[in-house]
N, C-alpha and C. Protein backbone atom coordinates (compact mmCIF):
# COMPACT_ATOMS: atom_id res chain seq x y z
N MET A 1 0.84 -1.18 0.00
CA MET A 1 0.00 0.00 0.00
C MET A 1 0.88 1.24 0.00
N ASP A 2 0.32 2.43 -0.16
CA ASP A 2 1.14 3.62 -0.26
C ASP A 2 1.88 3.91 1.03
N GLU A 3 2.13 5.19 1.24
CA GLU A 3 2.86 5.62 2.42
C GLU A 3 1.97 5.69 3.65
N ARG A 4 0.73 5.32 3.52
CA ARG A 4 -0.20 5.42 4.64
C ARG A 4 0.14 4.39 5.71
N ASN A 5 -0.20 4.73 6.95
CA ASN A 5 0.04 3.80 8.05
C ASN A 5 -0.92 2.64 7.97
N ASN A 6 -0.44 1.46 8.32
CA ASN A 6 -1.28 0.27 8.28
C ASN A 6 -2.32 0.26 9.38
N GLU A 7 -2.17 1.12 10.38
CA GLU A 7 -3.13 1.14 11.49
C GLU A 7 -4.51 1.63 11.07
N ASN A 8 -4.59 2.39 9.98
CA ASN A 8 -5.86 2.93 9.52
C ASN A 8 -6.58 2.01 8.55
N PHE A 9 -5.95 0.88 8.20
CA PHE A 9 -6.53 -0.01 7.21
C PHE A 9 -7.11 -1.26 7.87
N GLY A 10 -8.22 -1.72 7.33
CA GLY A 10 -8.85 -2.94 7.81
C GLY A 10 -8.28 -4.14 7.08
N GLU A 11 -8.96 -5.25 7.15
CA GLU A 11 -8.50 -6.50 6.54
C GLU A 11 -8.43 -6.39 5.02
N ARG A 12 -9.36 -5.68 4.42
CA ARG A 12 -9.46 -5.61 2.96
C ARG A 12 -8.67 -4.45 2.37
N GLY A 13 -7.94 -3.70 3.17
CA GLY A 13 -7.18 -2.57 2.67
C GLY A 13 -8.00 -1.31 2.51
N VAL A 14 -9.20 -1.30 3.07
CA VAL A 14 -10.08 -0.14 2.99
C VAL A 14 -9.81 0.73 4.20
N VAL A 15 -9.78 2.05 4.01
CA VAL A 15 -9.53 2.96 5.11
C VAL A 15 -10.65 2.83 6.12
N MET A 16 -10.27 2.57 7.36
CA MET A 16 -11.27 2.45 8.43
C MET A 16 -11.63 3.84 8.92
N LYS A 17 -12.87 4.04 9.27
CA LYS A 17 -13.31 5.32 9.81
C LYS A 17 -13.00 5.33 11.30
N LEU A 18 -12.25 6.31 11.72
CA LEU A 18 -11.93 6.45 13.13
C LEU A 18 -12.92 7.43 13.74
N LYS A 19 -13.57 7.02 14.80
CA LYS A 19 -14.57 7.87 15.40
C LYS A 19 -13.93 8.77 16.44
N GLY A 20 -14.53 9.91 16.64
CA GLY A 20 -14.08 10.81 17.69
C GLY A 20 -13.33 11.99 17.12
N TYR A 21 -13.75 13.17 17.55
CA TYR A 21 -13.15 14.41 17.06
C TYR A 21 -11.75 14.59 17.62
N LYS A 22 -11.51 14.15 18.86
CA LYS A 22 -10.22 14.37 19.51
C LYS A 22 -9.32 13.13 19.46
N ASN A 23 -9.72 12.12 18.71
CA ASN A 23 -8.91 10.93 18.57
C ASN A 23 -7.59 11.29 17.88
N LYS A 24 -6.44 11.02 18.53
CA LYS A 24 -5.15 11.45 17.99
C LYS A 24 -4.84 10.85 16.62
N SER A 25 -5.18 9.59 16.44
CA SER A 25 -4.90 8.99 15.13
C SER A 25 -5.82 9.57 14.07
N ARG A 26 -7.04 9.95 14.44
CA ARG A 26 -7.95 10.58 13.48
C ARG A 26 -7.46 11.98 13.12
N ILE A 27 -6.93 12.69 14.10
CA ILE A 27 -6.37 14.02 13.83
C ILE A 27 -5.21 13.89 12.86
N ARG A 28 -4.32 12.92 13.10
CA ARG A 28 -3.18 12.68 12.21
C ARG A 28 -3.66 12.32 10.81
N GLN A 29 -4.70 11.50 10.73
CA GLN A 29 -5.25 11.10 9.44
C GLN A 29 -5.80 12.31 8.69
N ARG A 30 -6.53 13.18 9.38
CA ARG A 30 -7.08 14.38 8.73
C ARG A 30 -5.97 15.29 8.25
N GLN A 31 -4.89 15.42 9.05
CA GLN A 31 -3.76 16.25 8.63
C GLN A 31 -3.11 15.71 7.37
N GLU A 32 -2.93 14.39 7.30
CA GLU A 32 -2.32 13.78 6.12
C GLU A 32 -3.20 13.98 4.89
N GLU A 33 -4.52 13.83 5.08
CA GLU A 33 -5.44 14.05 3.96
C GLU A 33 -5.39 15.49 3.49
N ALA A 34 -5.28 16.42 4.43
CA ALA A 34 -5.22 17.84 4.07
C ALA A 34 -3.95 18.15 3.31
N ILE A 35 -2.85 17.54 3.70
CA ILE A 35 -1.57 17.75 3.00
C ILE A 35 -1.67 17.23 1.57
N GLU A 36 -2.29 16.05 1.41
CA GLU A 36 -2.46 15.49 0.06
C GLU A 36 -3.31 16.40 -0.81
N ARG A 37 -4.43 16.90 -0.24
CA ARG A 37 -5.30 17.81 -1.01
C ARG A 37 -4.57 19.08 -1.38
N GLN A 38 -3.75 19.60 -0.46
CA GLN A 38 -3.02 20.84 -0.71
C GLN A 38 -2.00 20.65 -1.84
N LYS A 39 -1.34 19.48 -1.88
CA LYS A 39 -0.38 19.20 -2.95
C LYS A 39 -1.07 19.19 -4.30
N VAL A 40 -2.25 18.58 -4.36
CA VAL A 40 -3.01 18.53 -5.62
C VAL A 40 -3.42 19.94 -6.02
N HIS A 41 -3.89 20.72 -5.06
CA HIS A 41 -4.33 22.10 -5.33
C HIS A 41 -3.16 22.95 -5.81
N ASP A 42 -2.00 22.81 -5.17
CA ASP A 42 -0.83 23.61 -5.55
C ASP A 42 -0.32 23.24 -6.95
N GLY A 43 -0.59 22.03 -7.38
CA GLY A 43 -0.12 21.58 -8.69
C GLY A 43 -0.93 22.14 -9.85
N ARG A 44 -2.09 22.72 -9.57
CA ARG A 44 -2.94 23.25 -10.65
C ARG A 44 -2.57 24.69 -10.96
N THR A 45 -2.75 25.06 -12.22
CA THR A 45 -2.57 26.46 -12.61
C THR A 45 -3.83 27.22 -12.22
N PRO A 46 -3.77 28.55 -12.15
CA PRO A 46 -4.99 29.30 -11.83
C PRO A 46 -6.12 29.05 -12.83
N GLU A 47 -5.77 28.85 -14.10
CA GLU A 47 -6.80 28.58 -15.11
C GLU A 47 -7.49 27.24 -14.85
N GLN A 48 -6.70 26.22 -14.49
CA GLN A 48 -7.26 24.91 -14.19
C GLN A 48 -8.15 24.97 -12.96
N GLN A 49 -7.70 25.71 -11.94
CA GLN A 49 -8.48 25.83 -10.70
C GLN A 49 -9.80 26.57 -10.97
N LEU A 50 -9.76 27.60 -11.79
CA LEU A 50 -10.97 28.36 -12.12
C LEU A 50 -11.96 27.47 -12.86
N LYS A 51 -11.47 26.66 -13.78
CA LYS A 51 -12.33 25.74 -14.52
C LYS A 51 -12.98 24.73 -13.57
N LEU A 52 -12.21 24.23 -12.60
CA LEU A 52 -12.72 23.28 -11.63
C LEU A 52 -13.79 23.92 -10.74
N ILE A 53 -13.57 25.14 -10.33
CA ILE A 53 -14.53 25.85 -9.48
C ILE A 53 -15.85 26.06 -10.22
N LYS A 54 -15.76 26.39 -11.50
CA LYS A 54 -16.97 26.63 -12.29
C LYS A 54 -17.82 25.37 -12.42
N SER A 55 -17.19 24.21 -12.33
CA SER A 55 -17.94 22.96 -12.44
C SER A 55 -18.65 22.58 -11.14
N ARG A 56 -18.27 23.21 -10.03
CA ARG A 56 -18.86 22.89 -8.72
C ARG A 56 -20.13 23.70 -8.48
N PRO A 57 -21.01 23.19 -7.63
CA PRO A 57 -22.19 23.98 -7.27
C PRO A 57 -21.79 25.12 -6.33
N GLY A 58 -22.56 26.17 -6.33
CA GLY A 58 -22.26 27.31 -5.47
C GLY A 58 -21.53 28.40 -6.24
N GLU A 59 -21.36 29.55 -5.59
CA GLU A 59 -20.80 30.70 -6.29
C GLU A 59 -19.29 30.84 -6.17
N SER A 60 -18.72 30.64 -4.99
CA SER A 60 -17.26 30.77 -4.75
C SER A 60 -16.76 32.13 -5.22
N LYS A 61 -17.45 33.20 -4.84
CA LYS A 61 -17.12 34.54 -5.33
C LYS A 61 -15.69 34.95 -5.01
N LYS A 62 -15.28 34.78 -3.75
CA LYS A 62 -13.96 35.23 -3.34
C LYS A 62 -12.86 34.47 -4.07
N GLU A 63 -12.99 33.16 -4.14
CA GLU A 63 -11.96 32.36 -4.79
C GLU A 63 -11.87 32.68 -6.28
N LYS A 64 -13.04 32.84 -6.93
CA LYS A 64 -13.04 33.20 -8.36
C LYS A 64 -12.35 34.54 -8.56
N HIS A 65 -12.67 35.50 -7.71
CA HIS A 65 -12.09 36.84 -7.83
C HIS A 65 -10.57 36.78 -7.69
N LYS A 66 -10.08 36.04 -6.70
CA LYS A 66 -8.63 35.91 -6.49
C LYS A 66 -7.95 35.26 -7.69
N LEU A 67 -8.58 34.23 -8.23
CA LEU A 67 -7.98 33.53 -9.37
C LEU A 67 -7.95 34.41 -10.62
N VAL A 68 -9.03 35.15 -10.85
CA VAL A 68 -9.06 36.05 -12.02
C VAL A 68 -7.97 37.11 -11.88
N GLU A 69 -7.77 37.63 -10.66
CA GLU A 69 -6.71 38.61 -10.45
C GLU A 69 -5.33 38.02 -10.75
N ARG A 70 -5.10 36.78 -10.29
CA ARG A 70 -3.82 36.12 -10.55
C ARG A 70 -3.60 35.92 -12.05
N ILE A 71 -4.63 35.50 -12.75
CA ILE A 71 -4.52 35.27 -14.19
C ILE A 71 -4.21 36.57 -14.91
N GLU A 72 -4.92 37.64 -14.55
CA GLU A 72 -4.69 38.94 -15.19
C GLU A 72 -3.28 39.46 -14.89
N LYS A 73 -2.83 39.28 -13.65
CA LYS A 73 -1.50 39.73 -13.26
C LYS A 73 -0.42 38.99 -14.06
N ALA A 74 -0.59 37.68 -14.22
CA ALA A 74 0.36 36.89 -15.00
C ALA A 74 0.35 37.32 -16.46
N TYR A 75 -0.84 37.64 -17.00
CA TYR A 75 -0.96 38.08 -18.38
C TYR A 75 -0.24 39.42 -18.58
N LYS A 76 -0.45 40.35 -17.65
CA LYS A 76 0.20 41.66 -17.75
C LYS A 76 1.72 41.54 -17.65
N LYS A 77 2.17 40.65 -16.77
CA LYS A 77 3.60 40.43 -16.60
C LYS A 77 4.20 39.86 -17.88
N ALA A 78 3.50 38.94 -18.52
CA ALA A 78 3.97 38.36 -19.78
C ALA A 78 4.01 39.42 -20.88
N GLU A 79 3.01 40.31 -20.89
CA GLU A 79 2.98 41.39 -21.89
C GLU A 79 4.15 42.34 -21.71
N ARG A 80 4.49 42.65 -20.45
CA ARG A 80 5.63 43.55 -20.20
C ARG A 80 6.94 42.93 -20.67
N LYS A 81 7.08 41.61 -20.48
CA LYS A 81 8.29 40.93 -20.92
C LYS A 81 8.42 40.94 -22.44
N LYS A 82 7.29 40.84 -23.13
CA LYS A 82 7.31 40.85 -24.60
C LYS A 82 7.77 42.21 -25.13
N LYS A 83 7.37 43.29 -24.43
CA LYS A 83 7.73 44.64 -24.89
C LYS A 83 9.22 44.91 -24.74
N LYS A 84 9.86 44.29 -23.77
CA LYS A 84 11.30 44.53 -23.54
C LYS A 84 12.12 43.80 -24.51
């Protein structure tokens, strides 16, 4: 199996659900999951992230606004480099 600890896996290799909000192994599991999600998120370009957000339900106004600003800033920076 991957780098995951064997303590979270049952007989069939399926991730077992650990109950309890303050359970230390559950806290560790949530942290590892968050790190994995963050790596995937960091690997996307702003354009890819914007496309993904548009496919989800809900508005996500703040995130869309931030991504559009990043895309525009990168575009302006590329334009300035072309002029030089």
